[in-house]
Amino acid sequence: MTVVDDYIISAGEPAGSALEVIREVVKQIEPSVVEAMVYGVPGFKYKGKFFVGFAAHEHFLSLYPGGTAVGVLKNKLKKFEISKGAIRFTIDNQIPESLLREIIKVRQDEINAKL
């Protein structure tokens, strides 16, 4: 088991299942990612860079795709609470998979453009 496995299990249900969806989508989009604890949260590295992180909190879940993805897609994220590099959502208002894919792709493109 990895630290990400441990984190998802410790989040309990239904949060763990919501986090597992994020994990699966990230790996579908970019199979080369490496799971790791990054900035204190479970997430992924891509080409040695922070890619995406996620977390379960008492009253919400978070996705951490970085500021560029949040900024580029802010008009599509109006149903969620956002900050510079984070998107907060709930079990009852999860990020749709199509939007999740778009967020991850923006982050991937950002990293690729910098290399």
PDB file of N, CA and C in Angstrom:
ATOM      1  N   MET A   1       0.838  -1.191   0.000  1.00  0.00           N
ATOM      2  CA  MET A   1       0.000   0.000   0.000  1.00  0.00           C
ATOM      3  C   MET A   1       0.879   1.249   0.000  1.00  0.00           C
ATOM      4  N   THR A   2       0.363   2.287  -0.648  1.00  0.00           N
ATOM      5  CA  THR A   2       1.094   3.548  -0.717  1.00  0.00           C
ATOM      6  C   THR A   2       0.526   4.536   0.297  1.00  0.00           C
ATOM      7  N   VAL A   3       1.202   5.653   0.469  1.00  0.00           N
ATOM      8  CA  VAL A   3       0.693   6.688   1.364  1.00  0.00           C
ATOM      9  C   VAL A   3      -0.641   7.230   0.842  1.00  0.00           C
ATOM     10  N   VAL A   4      -0.814   7.244  -0.469  1.00  0.00           N
ATOM     11  CA  VAL A   4      -2.085   7.699  -1.033  1.00  0.00           C
ATOM     12  C   VAL A   4      -3.181   6.683  -0.729  1.00  0.00           C
ATOM     13  N   ASP A   5      -2.886   5.397  -0.846  1.00  0.00           N
ATOM     14  CA  ASP A   5      -3.857   4.365  -0.449  1.00  0.00           C
ATOM     15  C   ASP A   5      -4.276   4.571   0.995  1.00  0.00           C
ATOM     16  N   ASP A   6      -3.297   4.728   1.865  1.00  0.00           N
ATOM     17  CA  ASP A   6      -3.572   4.913   3.291  1.00  0.00           C
ATOM     18  C   ASP A   6      -4.448   6.126   3.533  1.00  0.00           C
ATOM     19  N   TYR A   7      -4.157   7.229   2.838  1.00  0.00           N
ATOM     20  CA  TYR A   7      -4.934   8.457   3.022  1.00  0.00           C
ATOM     21  C   TYR A   7      -6.382   8.245   2.586  1.00  0.00           C
ATOM     22  N   ILE A   8      -6.576   7.649   1.416  1.00  0.00           N
ATOM     23  CA  ILE A   8      -7.930   7.436   0.906  1.00  0.00           C
ATOM     24  C   ILE A   8      -8.718   6.542   1.846  1.00  0.00           C
ATOM     25  N   ILE A   9      -8.106   5.487   2.339  1.00  0.00           N
ATOM     26  CA  ILE A   9      -8.781   4.596   3.288  1.00  0.00           C
ATOM     27  C   ILE A   9      -9.125   5.349   4.572  1.00  0.00           C
ATOM     28  N   SER A  10      -8.189   6.144   5.064  1.00  0.00           N
ATOM     29  CA  SER A  10      -8.427   6.860   6.325  1.00  0.00           C
ATOM     30  C   SER A  10      -9.489   7.944   6.183  1.00  0.00           C
ATOM     31  N   ALA A  11      -9.759   8.401   4.947  1.00  0.00           N
ATOM     32  CA  ALA A  11     -10.797   9.416   4.733  1.00  0.00           C
ATOM     33  C   ALA A  11     -12.187   8.858   5.000  1.00  0.00           C
ATOM     34  N   GLY A  12     -12.326   7.533   4.957  1.00  0.00           N
ATOM     35  CA  GLY A  12     -13.636   6.923   5.165  1.00  0.00           C
ATOM     36  C   GLY A  12     -14.532   7.113   3.954  1.00  0.00           C
ATOM     37  N   GLU A  13     -15.753   6.658   4.108  1.00  0.00           N
ATOM     38  CA  GLU A  13     -16.725   6.771   3.014  1.00  0.00           C
ATOM     39  C   GLU A  13     -17.786   7.798   3.379  1.00  0.00           C
ATOM     40  N   PRO A  14     -18.291   8.524   2.411  1.00  0.00           N
ATOM     41  CA  PRO A  14     -18.098   8.406   0.970  1.00  0.00           C
ATOM     42  C   PRO A  14     -16.911   9.216   0.427  1.00  0.00           C
ATOM     43  N   ALA A  15     -16.195   9.926   1.293  1.00  0.00           N
ATOM     44  CA  ALA A  15     -15.074  10.764   0.838  1.00  0.00           C
ATOM     45  C   ALA A  15     -14.013   9.944   0.105  1.00  0.00           C
ATOM     46  N   GLY A  16     -13.692   8.767   0.619  1.00  0.00           N
ATOM     47  CA  GLY A  16     -12.670   7.939  -0.006  1.00  0.00           C
ATOM     48  C   GLY A  16     -13.003   7.593  -1.449  1.00  0.00           C
ATOM     49  N   SER A  17     -14.259   7.287  -1.706  1.00  0.00           N
ATOM     50  CA  SER A  17     -14.669   6.964  -3.080  1.00  0.00           C
ATOM     51  C   SER A  17     -14.552   8.181  -3.992  1.00  0.00           C
ATOM     52  N   ALA A  18     -14.887   9.357  -3.475  1.00  0.00           N
ATOM     53  CA  ALA A  18     -14.769  10.586  -4.268  1.00  0.00           C
ATOM     54  C   ALA A  18     -13.302  10.866  -4.598  1.00  0.00           C
ATOM     55  N   LEU A  19     -12.411  10.650  -3.638  1.00  0.00           N
ATOM     56  CA  LEU A  19     -10.987  10.851  -3.881  1.00  0.00           C
ATOM     57  C   LEU A  19     -10.445   9.814  -4.852  1.00  0.00           C
ATOM     58  N   GLU A  20     -10.942   8.605  -4.766  1.00  0.00           N
ATOM     59  CA  GLU A  20     -10.500   7.539  -5.675  1.00  0.00           C
ATOM     60  C   GLU A  20     -10.857   7.874  -7.120  1.00  0.00           C
ATOM     61  N   VAL A  21     -11.996   8.524  -7.342  1.00  0.00           N
ATOM     62  CA  VAL A  21     -12.366   8.946  -8.701  1.00  0.00           C
ATOM     63  C   VAL A  21     -11.314   9.906  -9.244  1.00  0.00           C
ATOM     64  N   ILE A  22     -10.903  10.869  -8.422  1.00  0.00           N
ATOM     65  CA  ILE A  22      -9.871  11.817  -8.851  1.00  0.00           C
ATOM     66  C   ILE A  22      -8.596  11.062  -9.208  1.00  0.00           C
ATOM     67  N   ARG A  23      -8.205  10.170  -8.343  1.00  0.00           N
ATOM     68  CA  ARG A  23      -6.981   9.379  -8.560  1.00  0.00           C
ATOM     69  C   ARG A  23      -7.038   8.625  -9.884  1.00  0.00           C
ATOM     70  N   GLU A  24      -8.166   7.980 -10.151  1.00  0.00           N
ATOM     71  CA  GLU A  24      -8.314   7.199 -11.378  1.00  0.00           C
ATOM     72  C   GLU A  24      -8.273   8.080 -12.616  1.00  0.00           C
ATOM     73  N   VAL A  25      -8.933   9.236 -12.571  1.00  0.00           N
ATOM     74  CA  VAL A  25      -8.949  10.133 -13.723  1.00  0.00           C
ATOM     75  C   VAL A  25      -7.542  10.669 -13.995  1.00  0.00           C
ATOM     76  N   VAL A  26      -6.830  11.061 -12.946  1.00  0.00           N
ATOM     77  CA  VAL A  26      -5.465  11.551 -13.122  1.00  0.00           C
ATOM     78  C   VAL A  26      -4.618  10.474 -13.809  1.00  0.00           C
ATOM     79  N   LYS A  27      -4.715   9.247 -13.333  1.00  0.00           N
ATOM     80  CA  LYS A  27      -3.902   8.171 -13.910  1.00  0.00           C
ATOM     81  C   LYS A  27      -4.322   7.808 -15.332  1.00  0.00           C
ATOM     82  N   GLN A  28      -5.594   7.987 -15.662  1.00  0.00           N
ATOM     83  CA  GLN A  28      -6.044   7.752 -17.034  1.00  0.00           C
ATOM     84  C   GLN A  28      -5.452   8.801 -17.974  1.00  0.00           C
ATOM     85  N   ILE A  29      -5.448  10.048 -17.528  1.00  0.00           N
ATOM     86  CA  ILE A  29      -4.942  11.128 -18.362  1.00  0.00           C
ATOM     87  C   ILE A  29      -3.428  11.053 -18.495  1.00  0.00           C
ATOM     88  N   GLU A  30      -2.748  10.774 -17.379  1.00  0.00           N
ATOM     89  CA  GLU A  30      -1.283  10.732 -17.411  1.00  0.00           C
ATOM     90  C   GLU A  30      -0.774   9.549 -16.595  1.00  0.00           C
ATOM     91  N   PRO A  31      -0.635   8.379 -17.231  1.00  0.00           N
ATOM     92  CA  PRO A  31      -0.205   7.175 -16.519  1.00  0.00           C
ATOM     93  C   PRO A  31       1.185   7.267 -15.897  1.00  0.00           C
ATOM     94  N   SER A  32       2.003   8.214 -16.320  1.00  0.00           N
ATOM     95  CA  SER A  32       3.364   8.299 -15.789  1.00  0.00           C
ATOM     96  C   SER A  32       3.462   9.026 -14.454  1.00  0.00           C
ATOM     97  N   VAL A  33       2.337   9.529 -13.917  1.00  0.00           N
ATOM     98  CA  VAL A  33       2.410  10.260 -12.648  1.00  0.00           C
ATOM     99  C   VAL A  33       2.936   9.361 -11.541  1.00  0.00           C
ATOM    100  N   VAL A  34       3.547  10.007 -10.550  1.00  0.00           N
ATOM    101  CA  VAL A  34       4.052   9.306  -9.375  1.00  0.00           C
ATOM    102  C   VAL A  34       3.256   9.795  -8.177  1.00  0.00           C
ATOM    103  N   GLU A  35       2.685   8.851  -7.436  1.00  0.00           N
ATOM    104  CA  GLU A  35       1.928   9.220  -6.244  1.00  0.00           C
ATOM    105  C   GLU A  35       2.891   9.605  -5.132  1.00  0.00           C
ATOM    106  N   ALA A  36       2.513  10.641  -4.392  1.00  0.00           N
ATOM    107  CA  ALA A  36       3.371  11.106  -3.304  1.00  0.00           C
ATOM    108  C   ALA A  36       2.580  12.038  -2.396  1.00  0.00           C
ATOM    109  N   MET A  37       3.118  12.243  -1.212  1.00  0.00           N
ATOM    110  CA  MET A  37       2.606  13.313  -0.366  1.00  0.00           C
ATOM    111  C   MET A  37       3.326  14.570  -0.845  1.00  0.00           C
ATOM    112  N   VAL A  38       2.572  15.560  -1.268  1.00  0.00           N
ATOM    113  CA  VAL A  38       3.121  16.785  -1.825  1.00  0.00           C
ATOM    114  C   VAL A  38       2.500  17.958  -1.076  1.00  0.00           C
ATOM    115  N   TYR A  39       3.338  18.792  -0.501  1.00  0.00           N
ATOM    116  CA  TYR A  39       2.853  19.928   0.293  1.00  0.00           C
ATOM    117  C   TYR A  39       1.885  19.480   1.382  1.00  0.00           C
ATOM    118  N   GLY A  40       2.119  18.314   1.940  1.00  0.00           N
ATOM    119  CA  GLY A  40       1.311  17.820   3.047  1.00  0.00           C
ATOM    120  C   GLY A  40       0.002  17.161   2.671  1.00  0.00           C
ATOM    121  N   VAL A  41      -0.265  17.011   1.378  1.00  0.00           N
ATOM    122  CA  VAL A  41      -1.496  16.333   0.948  1.00  0.00           C
ATOM    123  C   VAL A  41      -1.143  15.244  -0.054  1.00  0.00           C
ATOM    124  N   PRO A  42      -1.998  14.240  -0.171  1.00  0.00           N
ATOM    125  CA  PRO A  42      -1.739  13.210  -1.171  1.00  0.00           C
ATOM    126  C   PRO A  42      -1.919  13.795  -2.565  1.00  0.00           C
ATOM    127  N   GLY A  43      -1.101  13.335  -3.463  1.00  0.00           N
ATOM    128  CA  GLY A  43      -1.216  13.848  -4.811  1.00  0.00           C
ATOM    129  C   GLY A  43      -0.264  13.161  -5.755  1.00  0.00           C
ATOM    130  N   PHE A  44       0.105  13.899  -6.779  1.00  0.00           N
ATOM    131  CA  PHE A  44       0.879  13.323  -7.866  1.00  0.00           C
ATOM    132  C   PHE A  44       1.961  14.279  -8.322  1.00  0.00           C
ATOM    133  N   LYS A  45       3.065  13.690  -8.768  1.00  0.00           N
ATOM    134  CA  LYS A  45       4.117  14.443  -9.429  1.00  0.00           C
ATOM    135  C   LYS A  45       4.140  13.993 -10.884  1.00  0.00           C
ATOM    136  N   TYR A  46       4.435  14.942 -11.733  1.00  0.00           N
ATOM    137  CA  TYR A  46       4.508  14.687 -13.166  1.00  0.00           C
ATOM    138  C   TYR A  46       5.774  15.363 -13.677  1.00  0.00           C
ATOM    139  N   LYS A  47       6.651  14.576 -14.271  1.00  0.00           N
ATOM    140  CA  LYS A  47       7.934  15.088 -14.758  1.00  0.00           C
ATOM    141  C   LYS A  47       8.689  15.829 -13.662  1.00  0.00           C
ATOM    142  N   GLY A  48       8.578  15.289 -12.428  1.00  0.00           N
ATOM    143  CA  GLY A  48       9.288  15.850 -11.291  1.00  0.00           C
ATOM    144  C   GLY A  48       8.640  17.069 -10.665  1.00  0.00           C
ATOM    145  N   LYS A  49       7.515  17.499 -11.184  1.00  0.00           N
ATOM    146  CA  LYS A  49       6.814  18.692 -10.688  1.00  0.00           C
ATOM    147  C   LYS A  49       5.524  18.299  -9.987  1.00  0.00           C
ATOM    148  N   PHE A  50       5.099  19.137  -9.028  1.00  0.00           N
ATOM    149  CA  PHE A  50       3.781  18.942  -8.425  1.00  0.00           C
ATOM    150  C   PHE A  50       2.751  18.987  -9.544  1.00  0.00           C
ATOM    151  N   PHE A  51       1.862  18.003  -9.560  1.00  0.00           N
ATOM    152  CA  PHE A  51       0.852  17.923 -10.618  1.00  0.00           C
ATOM    153  C   PHE A  51      -0.515  18.305 -10.063  1.00  0.00           C
ATOM    154  N   VAL A  52      -1.067  17.459  -9.221  1.00  0.00           N
ATOM    155  CA  VAL A  52      -2.383  17.676  -8.626  1.00  0.00           C
ATOM    156  C   VAL A  52      -2.381  17.038  -7.248  1.00  0.00           C
ATOM    157  N   GLY A  53      -3.031  17.689  -6.297  1.00  0.00           N
ATOM    158  CA  GLY A  53      -3.220  17.112  -4.975  1.00  0.00           C
ATOM    159  C   GLY A  53      -4.701  17.090  -4.637  1.00  0.00           C
ATOM    160  N   PHE A  54      -5.046  16.353  -3.599  1.00  0.00           N
ATOM    161  CA  PHE A  54      -6.438  16.314  -3.141  1.00  0.00           C
ATOM    162  C   PHE A  54      -6.468  16.033  -1.656  1.00  0.00           C
ATOM    163  N   ALA A  55      -7.595  16.354  -1.029  1.00  0.00           N
ATOM    164  CA  ALA A  55      -7.703  16.136   0.414  1.00  0.00           C
ATOM    165  C   ALA A  55      -9.162  16.041   0.828  1.00  0.00           C
ATOM    166  N   ALA A  56      -9.373  15.342   1.930  1.00  0.00           N
ATOM    167  CA  ALA A  56     -10.686  15.267   2.556  1.00  0.00           C
ATOM    168  C   ALA A  56     -10.613  16.046   3.867  1.00  0.00           C
ATOM    169  N   HIS A  57     -11.581  16.905   4.076  1.00  0.00           N
ATOM    170  CA  HIS A  57     -11.693  17.682   5.303  1.00  0.00           C
ATOM    171  C   HIS A  57     -13.022  17.328   5.962  1.00  0.00           C
ATOM    172  N   GLU A  58     -13.270  17.855   7.116  1.00  0.00           N
ATOM    173  CA  GLU A  58     -14.481  17.484   7.849  1.00  0.00           C
ATOM    174  C   GLU A  58     -15.757  17.795   7.073  1.00  0.00           C
ATOM    175  N   HIS A  59     -15.826  18.954   6.423  1.00  0.00           N
ATOM    176  CA  HIS A  59     -17.065  19.368   5.758  1.00  0.00           C
ATOM    177  C   HIS A  59     -16.952  19.517   4.247  1.00  0.00           C
ATOM    178  N   PHE A  60     -15.792  19.256   3.691  1.00  0.00           N
ATOM    179  CA  PHE A  60     -15.616  19.398   2.250  1.00  0.00           C
ATOM    180  C   PHE A  60     -14.393  18.611   1.797  1.00  0.00           C
ATOM    181  N   LEU A  61     -14.243  18.515   0.486  1.00  0.00           N
ATOM    182  CA  LEU A  61     -13.067  17.905  -0.138  1.00  0.00           C
ATOM    183  C   LEU A  61     -12.388  18.992  -0.962  1.00  0.00           C
ATOM    184  N   SER A  62     -11.118  18.803  -1.247  1.00  0.00           N
ATOM    185  CA  SER A  62     -10.381  19.791  -2.030  1.00  0.00           C
ATOM    186  C   SER A  62      -9.586  19.132  -3.140  1.00  0.00           C
ATOM    187  N   LEU A  63      -9.483  19.858  -4.234  1.00  0.00           N
ATOM    188  CA  LEU A  63      -8.611  19.501  -5.338  1.00  0.00           C
ATOM    189  C   LEU A  63      -7.630  20.651  -5.484  1.00  0.00           C
ATOM    190  N   TYR A  64      -6.353  20.335  -5.591  1.00  0.00           N
ATOM    191  CA  TYR A  64      -5.307  21.344  -5.693  1.00  0.00           C
ATOM    192  C   TYR A  64      -4.592  21.218  -7.043  1.00  0.00           C
ATOM    193  N   PRO A  65      -5.119  21.878  -8.084  1.00  0.00           N
ATOM    194  CA  PRO A  65      -4.484  21.795  -9.395  1.00  0.00           C
ATOM    195  C   PRO A  65      -3.537  22.950  -9.694  1.00  0.00           C
ATOM    196  N   GLY A  66      -3.385  23.859  -8.763  1.00  0.00           N
ATOM    197  CA  GLY A  66      -2.546  25.029  -8.993  1.00  0.00           C
ATOM    198  C   GLY A  66      -3.344  26.209  -9.514  1.00  0.00           C
ATOM    199  N   GLY A  67      -2.732  27.368  -9.434  1.00  0.00           N
ATOM    200  CA  GLY A  67      -3.414  28.614  -9.762  1.00  0.00           C
ATOM    201  C   GLY A  67      -3.784  28.784 -11.221  1.00  0.00           C
ATOM    202  N   THR A  68      -2.973  28.274 -12.123  1.00  0.00           N
ATOM    203  CA  THR A  68      -3.275  28.451 -13.545  1.00  0.00           C
ATOM    204  C   THR A  68      -4.576  27.755 -13.923  1.00  0.00           C
ATOM    205  N   ALA A  69      -4.726  26.506 -13.533  1.00  0.00           N
ATOM    206  CA  ALA A  69      -5.943  25.761 -13.875  1.00  0.00           C
ATOM    207  C   ALA A  69      -7.177  26.423 -13.278  1.00  0.00           C
ATOM    208  N   VAL A  70      -7.081  26.855 -12.026  1.00  0.00           N
ATOM    209  CA  VAL A  70      -8.222  27.518 -11.388  1.00  0.00           C
ATOM    210  C   VAL A  70      -8.542  28.816 -12.125  1.00  0.00           C
ATOM    211  N   GLY A  71      -7.522  29.585 -12.471  1.00  0.00           N
ATOM    212  CA  GLY A  71      -7.742  30.848 -13.161  1.00  0.00           C
ATOM    213  C   GLY A  71      -8.332  30.670 -14.549  1.00  0.00           C
ATOM    214  N   VAL A  72      -7.792  29.728 -15.304  1.00  0.00           N
ATOM    215  CA  VAL A  72      -8.256  29.485 -16.672  1.00  0.00           C
ATOM    216  C   VAL A  72      -9.707  29.014 -16.685  1.00  0.00           C
ATOM    217  N   LEU A  73     -10.079  28.206 -15.701  1.00  0.00           N
ATOM    218  CA  LEU A  73     -11.410  27.588 -15.702  1.00  0.00           C
ATOM    219  C   LEU A  73     -12.380  28.203 -14.692  1.00  0.00           C
ATOM    220  N   LYS A  74     -12.060  29.372 -14.155  1.00  0.00           N
ATOM    221  CA  LYS A  74     -12.886  29.938 -13.080  1.00  0.00           C
ATOM    222  C   LYS A  74     -14.354  30.101 -13.471  1.00  0.00           C
ATOM    223  N   ASN A  75     -14.649  30.396 -14.722  1.00  0.00           N
ATOM    224  CA  ASN A  75     -16.051  30.531 -15.131  1.00  0.00           C
ATOM    225  C   ASN A  75     -16.796  29.206 -15.094  1.00  0.00           C
ATOM    226  N   LYS A  76     -16.088  28.106 -15.245  1.00  0.00           N
ATOM    227  CA  LYS A  76     -16.708  26.782 -15.177  1.00  0.00           C
ATOM    228  C   LYS A  76     -16.760  26.252 -13.742  1.00  0.00           C
ATOM    229  N   LEU A  77     -16.122  26.969 -12.826  1.00  0.00           N
ATOM    230  CA  LEU A  77     -16.037  26.519 -11.435  1.00  0.00           C
ATOM    231  C   LEU A  77     -16.950  27.305 -10.508  1.00  0.00           C
ATOM    232  N   LYS A  78     -17.938  27.991 -11.052  1.00  0.00           N
ATOM    233  CA  LYS A  78     -18.810  28.857 -10.249  1.00  0.00           C
ATOM    234  C   LYS A  78     -19.628  28.112  -9.206  1.00  0.00           C
ATOM    235  N   LYS A  79     -19.842  26.820  -9.400  1.00  0.00           N
ATOM    236  CA  LYS A  79     -20.602  26.021  -8.428  1.00  0.00           C
ATOM    237  C   LYS A  79     -19.765  25.617  -7.224  1.00  0.00           C
ATOM    238  N   PHE A  80     -18.480  25.985  -7.239  1.00  0.00           N
ATOM    239  CA  PHE A  80     -17.558  25.551  -6.195  1.00  0.00           C
ATOM    240  C   PHE A  80     -16.888  26.751  -5.550  1.00  0.00           C
ATOM    241  N   GLU A  81     -16.408  26.540  -4.345  1.00  0.00           N
ATOM    242  CA  GLU A  81     -15.605  27.573  -3.692  1.00  0.00           C
ATOM    243  C   GLU A  81     -14.177  27.400  -4.196  1.00  0.00           C
ATOM    244  N   ILE A  82     -13.598  28.492  -4.683  1.00  0.00           N
ATOM    245  CA  ILE A  82     -12.237  28.411  -5.202  1.00  0.00           C
ATOM    246  C   ILE A  82     -11.341  29.428  -4.510  1.00  0.00           C
ATOM    247  N   SER A  83     -10.068  29.121  -4.505  1.00  0.00           N
ATOM    248  CA  SER A  83      -9.047  30.067  -4.071  1.00  0.00           C
ATOM    249  C   SER A  83      -7.949  30.010  -5.121  1.00  0.00           C
ATOM    250  N   LYS A  84      -6.847  30.646  -4.875  1.00  0.00           N
ATOM    251  CA  LYS A  84      -5.794  30.753  -5.886  1.00  0.00           C
ATOM    252  C   LYS A  84      -5.439  29.417  -6.544  1.00  0.00           C
ATOM    253  N   GLY A  85      -5.270  28.362  -5.767  1.00  0.00           N
ATOM    254  CA  GLY A  85      -4.865  27.090  -6.340  1.00  0.00           C
ATOM    255  C   GLY A  85      -5.693  25.913  -5.890  1.00  0.00           C
ATOM    256  N   ALA A  86      -6.890  26.189  -5.337  1.00  0.00           N
ATOM    257  CA  ALA A  86      -7.699  25.101  -4.786  1.00  0.00           C
ATOM    258  C   ALA A  86      -9.159  25.215  -5.214  1.00  0.00           C
ATOM    259  N   ILE A  87      -9.782  24.057  -5.298  1.00  0.00           N
ATOM    260  CA  ILE A  87     -11.210  23.965  -5.573  1.00  0.00           C
ATOM    261  C   ILE A  87     -11.816  23.140  -4.449  1.00  0.00           C
ATOM    262  N   ARG A  88     -12.786  23.699  -3.744  1.00  0.00           N
ATOM    263  CA  ARG A  88     -13.451  22.983  -2.663  1.00  0.00           C
ATOM    264  C   ARG A  88     -14.814  22.500  -3.152  1.00  0.00           C
ATOM    265  N   PHE A  89     -15.117  21.251  -2.835  1.00  0.00           N
ATOM    266  CA  PHE A  89     -16.388  20.670  -3.252  1.00  0.00           C
ATOM    267  C   PHE A  89     -16.895  19.738  -2.165  1.00  0.00           C
ATOM    268  N   THR A  90     -18.123  19.298  -2.300  1.00  0.00           N
ATOM    269  CA  THR A  90     -18.721  18.412  -1.306  1.00  0.00           C
ATOM    270  C   THR A  90     -19.129  17.096  -1.972  1.00  0.00           C
ATOM    271  N   ILE A  91     -19.475  16.153  -1.154  1.00  0.00           N
ATOM    272  CA  ILE A  91     -19.969  14.869  -1.669  1.00  0.00           C
ATOM    273  C   ILE A  91     -21.227  15.097  -2.505  1.00  0.00           C
ATOM    274  N   ASP A  92     -22.075  16.028  -2.069  1.00  0.00           N
ATOM    275  CA  ASP A  92     -23.317  16.313  -2.788  1.00  0.00           C
ATOM    276  C   ASP A  92     -23.113  17.186  -4.020  1.00  0.00           C
ATOM    277  N   ASN A  93     -21.967  17.817  -4.138  1.00  0.00           N
ATOM    278  CA  ASN A  93     -21.673  18.700  -5.272  1.00  0.00           C
ATOM    279  C   ASN A  93     -20.237  18.439  -5.735  1.00  0.00           C
ATOM    280  N   GLN A  94     -20.037  17.260  -6.308  1.00  0.00           N
ATOM    281  CA  GLN A  94     -18.698  16.869  -6.760  1.00  0.00           C
ATOM    282  C   GLN A  94     -18.379  17.480  -8.116  1.00  0.00           C
ATOM    283  N   ILE A  95     -17.109  17.570  -8.406  1.00  0.00           N
ATOM    284  CA  ILE A  95     -16.665  18.078  -9.703  1.00  0.00           C
ATOM    285  C   ILE A  95     -17.019  17.027 -10.753  1.00  0.00           C
ATOM    286  N   PRO A  96     -17.796  17.400 -11.767  1.00  0.00           N
ATOM    287  CA  PRO A  96     -18.134  16.418 -12.809  1.00  0.00           C
ATOM    288  C   PRO A  96     -16.861  15.887 -13.474  1.00  0.00           C
ATOM    289  N   GLU A  97     -16.888  14.634 -13.867  1.00  0.00           N
ATOM    290  CA  GLU A  97     -15.692  14.021 -14.441  1.00  0.00           C
ATOM    291  C   GLU A  97     -15.186  14.770 -15.664  1.00  0.00           C
ATOM    292  N   SER A  98     -16.085  15.263 -16.502  1.00  0.00           N
ATOM    293  CA  SER A  98     -15.642  16.000 -17.698  1.00  0.00           C
ATOM    294  C   SER A  98     -14.881  17.265 -17.304  1.00  0.00           C
ATOM    295  N   LEU A  99     -15.325  17.967 -16.273  1.00  0.00           N
ATOM    296  CA  LEU A  99     -14.630  19.160 -15.805  1.00  0.00           C
ATOM    297  C   LEU A  99     -13.325  18.773 -15.108  1.00  0.00           C
ATOM    298  N   LEU A 100     -13.344  17.694 -14.360  1.00  0.00           N
ATOM    299  CA  LEU A 100     -12.133  17.201 -13.715  1.00  0.00           C
ATOM    300  C   LEU A 100     -11.062  16.900 -14.767  1.00  0.00           C
ATOM    301  N   ARG A 101     -11.453  16.266 -15.842  1.00  0.00           N
ATOM    302  CA  ARG A 101     -10.514  15.972 -16.923  1.00  0.00           C
ATOM    303  C   ARG A 101      -9.947  17.266 -17.524  1.00  0.00           C
ATOM    304  N   GLU A 102     -10.799  18.249 -17.676  1.00  0.00           N
ATOM    305  CA  GLU A 102     -10.362  19.528 -18.234  1.00  0.00           C
ATOM    306  C   GLU A 102      -9.361  20.223 -17.300  1.00  0.00           C
ATOM    307  N   ILE A 103      -9.639  20.192 -16.015  1.00  0.00           N
ATOM    308  CA  ILE A 103      -8.740  20.788 -15.016  1.00  0.00           C
ATOM    309  C   ILE A 103      -7.367  20.125 -15.082  1.00  0.00           C
ATOM    310  N   ILE A 104      -7.367  18.807 -15.092  1.00  0.00           N
ATOM    311  CA  ILE A 104      -6.108  18.057 -15.102  1.00  0.00           C
ATOM    312  C   ILE A 104      -5.345  18.310 -16.397  1.00  0.00           C
ATOM    313  N   LYS A 105      -6.051  18.391 -17.499  1.00  0.00           N
ATOM    314  CA  LYS A 105      -5.399  18.636 -18.786  1.00  0.00           C
ATOM    315  C   LYS A 105      -4.758  20.029 -18.813  1.00  0.00           C
ATOM    316  N   VAL A 106      -5.430  21.039 -18.252  1.00  0.00           N
ATOM    317  CA  VAL A 106      -4.835  22.379 -18.189  1.00  0.00           C
ATOM    318  C   VAL A 106      -3.543  22.326 -17.392  1.00  0.00           C
ATOM    319  N   ARG A 107      -3.563  21.612 -16.268  1.00  0.00           N
ATOM    320  CA  ARG A 107      -2.359  21.503 -15.442  1.00  0.00           C
ATOM    321  C   ARG A 107      -1.242  20.776 -16.202  1.00  0.00           C
ATOM    322  N   GLN A 108      -1.595  19.719 -16.893  1.00  0.00           N
ATOM    323  CA  GLN A 108      -0.607  18.976 -17.673  1.00  0.00           C
ATOM    324  C   GLN A 108       0.008  19.861 -18.752  1.00  0.00           C
ATOM    325  N   ASP A 109      -0.836  20.594 -19.458  1.00  0.00           N
ATOM    326  CA  ASP A 109      -0.340  21.490 -20.504  1.00  0.00           C
ATOM    327  C   ASP A 109       0.575  22.567 -19.914  1.00  0.00           C
ATOM    328  N   GLU A 110       0.227  23.060 -18.737  1.00  0.00           N
ATOM    329  CA  GLU A 110       1.052  24.082 -18.072  1.00  0.00           C
ATOM    330  C   GLU A 110       2.461  23.543 -17.788  1.00  0.00           C
ATOM    331  N   ILE A 111       2.533  22.342 -17.242  1.00  0.00           N
ATOM    332  CA  ILE A 111       3.838  21.750 -16.940  1.00  0.00           C
ATOM    333  C   ILE A 111       4.615  21.492 -18.222  1.00  0.00           C
ATOM    334  N   ASN A 112       3.956  20.933 -19.224  1.00  0.00           N
ATOM    335  CA  ASN A 112       4.645  20.641 -20.487  1.00  0.00           C
ATOM    336  C   ASN A 112       5.176  21.904 -21.145  1.00  0.00           C
ATOM    337  N   ALA A 113       4.456  23.009 -21.031  1.00  0.00           N
ATOM    338  CA  ALA A 113       4.883  24.260 -21.647  1.00  0.00           C
ATOM    339  C   ALA A 113       6.134  24.840 -20.980  1.00  0.00           C
ATOM    340  N   LYS A 114       6.339  24.499 -19.708  1.00  0.00           N
ATOM    341  CA  LYS A 114       7.479  25.034 -18.969  1.00  0.00           C
ATOM    342  C   LYS A 114       8.749  24.207 -19.140  1.00  0.00           C
ATOM    343  N   LEU A 115       8.626  23.031 -19.744  1.00  0.00           N
ATOM    344  CA  LEU A 115       9.798  22.151 -19.894  1.00  0.00           C
ATOM    345  C   LEU A 115      10.453  22.318 -21.236  1.00  0.00           C
TER     346      LEU A 115
END
